[in-house]
Amino acid sequence: MDTGLISRRYAKALARYAAERNEDATVYGEIQQMSKLFRQERLLHEALQSPVLPVEEKISAFSHLSPAPLSKSLLDFIRLVIRHHRESCLYLMFFSFMELYRERHNIKEAELVTASPVAGEVEENLRRKMQEWSGCTVNITRKVNPALIGGFIFRMDDTLIDTSLASQLRLLKSRLGNEPIRKI
């Protein structure tokens, strides 16, 4: 069973269904929240895969996990997936849907890692420059990693900009360490 193929097909079906109901942006936001829950809650995986738990209880679990009521499109989709016993692929379906949505709406995800928190205007300037360069809407996720010492690391698709002091020191160490010592 090819879970990638299955998840992509189900994601396409959800994308069409949500678009017909004009709920695709809402479903995208809900799926982003659900994906975070899937990554954080191991019990959710176990509950979904449990053969003992009835279908309706699995479906209601999703409703209770969301802070706001889920859209009809997403509830119908979850009901369909659970009734067809495809719960094991649900996280991959969510991931595939988010990829499809980003492709259709020309959105790129990026990550900015800094040694210390940066001001919002720095992030906004970087976002603006990357949007001009790529021609896409750019969503930036910020992370702080003190091990960088200084500078930043920016990732977007295949683009990596690494100006961190830690990387510069590693590069310098490798260059100095590889050259033979000459005695005069």
Protein backbone atom coordinates (compact mmCIF):
# COMPACT_ATOMS: atom_id res chain seq x y z
CA MET A 1 0.00 0.00 0.00
CA ASP A 2 1.49 3.33 -1.09
CA THR A 3 0.56 5.77 1.69
CA GLY A 4 1.93 8.71 -0.31
CA LEU A 5 -0.39 8.00 -3.22
CA ILE A 6 -3.38 7.42 -0.94
CA SER A 7 -2.76 10.58 1.07
CA ARG A 8 -2.32 12.68 -2.08
CA ARG A 9 -5.59 11.41 -3.58
CA TYR A 10 -7.56 12.04 -0.41
CA ALA A 11 -5.95 15.50 -0.07
CA LYS A 12 -6.96 16.39 -3.63
CA ALA A 13 -10.52 15.28 -2.90
CA LEU A 14 -10.60 17.41 0.25
CA ALA A 15 -9.18 20.39 -1.64
CA ARG A 16 -11.89 20.13 -4.30
CA TYR A 17 -14.66 19.60 -1.76
CA ALA A 18 -13.54 22.51 0.45
CA ALA A 19 -13.12 24.79 -2.59
CA GLU A 20 -16.66 23.98 -3.77
CA ARG A 21 -17.95 25.02 -0.35
CA ASN A 22 -15.66 28.11 -0.22
CA GLU A 23 -14.03 26.74 2.94
CA ASP A 24 -10.55 25.97 1.65
CA ALA A 25 -8.84 28.77 3.62
CA THR A 26 -10.71 27.76 6.77
CA VAL A 27 -9.84 24.09 6.29
CA TYR A 28 -6.18 25.03 5.72
CA GLY A 29 -6.07 26.85 9.07
CA GLU A 30 -7.82 24.00 10.85
CA ILE A 31 -5.49 21.43 9.34
CA GLN A 32 -2.46 23.45 10.43
CA GLN A 33 -3.75 23.26 14.00
CA MET A 34 -4.55 19.55 13.70
CA SER A 35 -1.08 18.83 12.31
CA LYS A 36 0.49 20.45 15.36
CA LEU A 37 -1.70 18.27 17.59
CA PHE A 38 -0.63 15.16 15.68
CA ARG A 39 3.03 16.00 16.21
CA GLN A 40 2.58 16.71 19.92
CA GLU A 41 0.03 14.13 21.06
CA ARG A 42 1.04 10.48 20.76
CA LEU A 43 -2.25 9.45 22.42
CA LEU A 44 -4.16 10.88 19.45
CA HIS A 45 -2.38 8.46 17.11
CA GLU A 46 -3.15 5.54 19.41
CA ALA A 47 -6.80 6.51 19.81
CA LEU A 48 -7.31 6.83 16.06
CA GLN A 49 -5.73 3.45 15.37
CA SER A 50 -7.59 1.67 18.16
CA PRO A 51 -9.96 -1.01 16.82
CA VAL A 52 -11.91 -0.82 20.10
CA LEU A 53 -12.91 2.84 19.80
CA PRO A 54 -16.14 3.28 17.76
CA VAL A 55 -16.11 5.41 14.61
CA GLU A 56 -18.37 8.12 16.04
CA GLU A 57 -16.14 8.53 19.12
CA LYS A 58 -13.07 8.96 16.91
CA ILE A 59 -14.90 11.62 14.93
CA SER A 60 -16.12 13.44 18.05
CA ALA A 61 -12.56 13.40 19.43
CA PHE A 62 -11.53 15.72 16.59
CA SER A 63 -14.39 18.08 17.35
CA HIS A 64 -13.35 18.30 21.00
CA LEU A 65 -9.67 18.81 20.20
CA SER A 66 -10.29 21.95 18.18
CA PRO A 67 -10.77 25.22 20.12
CA ALA A 68 -13.42 26.32 17.58
CA PRO A 69 -16.03 24.20 15.81
CA LEU A 70 -14.57 22.46 12.75
CA SER A 71 -15.83 23.34 9.28
CA LYS A 72 -18.33 21.01 7.65
CA SER A 73 -15.82 20.18 4.91
CA LEU A 74 -13.20 18.98 7.38
CA LEU A 75 -15.69 17.08 9.54
CA ASP A 76 -17.11 15.32 6.47
CA PHE A 77 -13.57 14.49 5.35
CA ILE A 78 -12.55 13.07 8.73
CA ARG A 79 -15.76 11.03 8.83
CA LEU A 80 -15.00 9.62 5.36
CA VAL A 81 -11.39 8.76 6.25
CA ILE A 82 -12.34 7.01 9.48
CA ARG A 83 -15.22 5.08 7.91
CA HIS A 84 -12.85 3.81 5.19
CA HIS A 85 -10.31 2.77 7.85
CA ARG A 86 -7.59 5.12 6.57
CA GLU A 87 -6.85 6.72 9.96
CA SER A 88 -3.21 5.66 9.75
CA CYS A 89 -2.73 7.97 6.76
CA LEU A 90 -4.60 10.98 8.18
CA TYR A 91 -1.48 12.94 9.16
CA LEU A 92 -0.01 12.40 5.69
CA MET A 93 -3.33 13.49 4.16
CA PHE A 94 -3.20 16.69 6.19
CA PHE A 95 0.39 17.29 5.10
CA SER A 96 -0.52 16.67 1.43
CA PHE A 97 -3.48 19.03 1.68
CA MET A 98 -1.27 21.80 3.07
CA GLU A 99 1.20 21.30 0.20
CA LEU A 100 -1.63 21.46 -2.37
CA TYR A 101 -3.09 24.57 -0.78
CA ARG A 102 0.30 26.32 -0.79
CA GLU A 103 0.88 25.37 -4.44
CA ARG A 104 -2.54 26.66 -5.51
CA HIS A 105 -2.26 29.91 -3.55
CA ASN A 106 1.44 30.54 -4.28
CA ILE A 107 2.57 30.38 -0.64
CA LYS A 108 6.04 29.42 0.53
CA GLU A 109 7.00 28.41 4.06
CA ALA A 110 10.29 29.67 5.45
CA GLU A 111 12.20 29.33 8.70
CA LEU A 112 14.35 31.99 10.35
CA VAL A 113 16.66 30.78 13.11
CA THR A 114 18.51 33.42 15.14
CA ALA A 115 20.79 33.42 18.16
CA SER A 116 18.44 35.75 20.02
CA PRO A 117 14.94 37.10 19.37
CA VAL A 118 14.77 39.72 16.61
CA ALA A 119 12.43 42.65 16.13
CA GLY A 120 9.36 42.20 13.96
CA GLU A 121 10.62 44.81 11.50
CA VAL A 122 13.69 42.67 10.71
CA GLU A 123 11.45 39.71 9.93
CA GLU A 124 9.15 41.94 7.86
CA ASN A 125 12.08 43.30 5.82
CA LEU A 126 13.32 39.77 5.17
CA ARG A 127 9.81 38.64 4.23
CA ARG A 128 9.42 41.55 1.81
CA LYS A 129 12.79 40.85 0.14
CA MET A 130 12.02 37.13 -0.22
CA GLN A 131 8.57 37.87 -1.64
CA GLU A 132 10.11 40.18 -4.25
CA TRP A 133 12.75 37.58 -5.08
CA SER A 134 10.39 34.56 -5.26
CA GLY A 135 7.16 36.21 -6.41
CA CYS A 136 5.27 34.29 -3.71
CA THR A 137 3.66 35.00 -0.38
CA VAL A 138 6.18 33.99 2.29
CA ASN A 139 5.22 32.77 5.78
CA ILE A 140 8.17 32.90 8.16
CA THR A 141 8.45 30.75 11.28
CA ARG A 142 10.90 32.15 13.82
CA LYS A 143 13.08 30.03 16.08
CA VAL A 144 15.79 30.96 18.57
CA ASN A 145 18.96 28.86 18.88
CA PRO A 146 21.65 30.41 21.14
CA ALA A 147 24.21 27.92 19.76
CA LEU A 148 24.42 30.07 16.61
CA ILE A 149 26.30 32.67 18.70
CA GLY A 150 25.31 35.41 16.23
CA GLY A 151 23.86 35.90 12.75
CA PHE A 152 20.98 33.84 11.38
CA ILE A 153 19.99 30.84 9.28
CA PHE A 154 17.19 31.29 6.74
CA ARG A 155 15.59 28.33 4.90
CA MET A 156 12.97 28.45 2.16
CA ASP A 157 12.56 25.49 -0.19
CA ASP A 158 16.04 24.81 -1.60
CA THR A 159 17.40 28.17 -0.48
CA LEU A 160 19.64 28.27 2.57
CA ILE A 161 21.27 31.45 3.82
CA ASP A 162 23.60 30.73 6.73
CA THR A 163 25.34 33.77 8.20
CA SER A 164 25.67 32.33 11.69
CA LEU A 165 28.89 32.86 13.60
CA ALA A 166 28.94 29.18 14.60
CA SER A 167 29.01 28.11 10.93
CA GLN A 168 31.72 30.63 10.12
CA LEU A 169 33.84 29.31 13.00
CA ARG A 170 33.33 25.69 11.84
CA LEU A 171 34.36 26.66 8.31
CA LEU A 172 37.46 28.46 9.57
CA LYS A 173 38.38 25.49 11.78
CA SER A 174 38.05 23.05 8.88
CA ARG A 175 40.21 25.22 6.62
CA LEU A 176 42.91 25.72 9.22
CA GLY A 177 42.84 22.09 10.32
CA ASN A 178 43.29 20.66 6.82
CA GLU A 179 46.39 22.59 5.78
CA PRO A 180 49.75 20.99 6.53
CA ILE A 181 52.01 22.65 9.03
CA ARG A 182 55.23 23.98 7.44
CA LYS A 183 58.45 24.26 9.35
CA ILE A 184 60.89 26.90 8.27
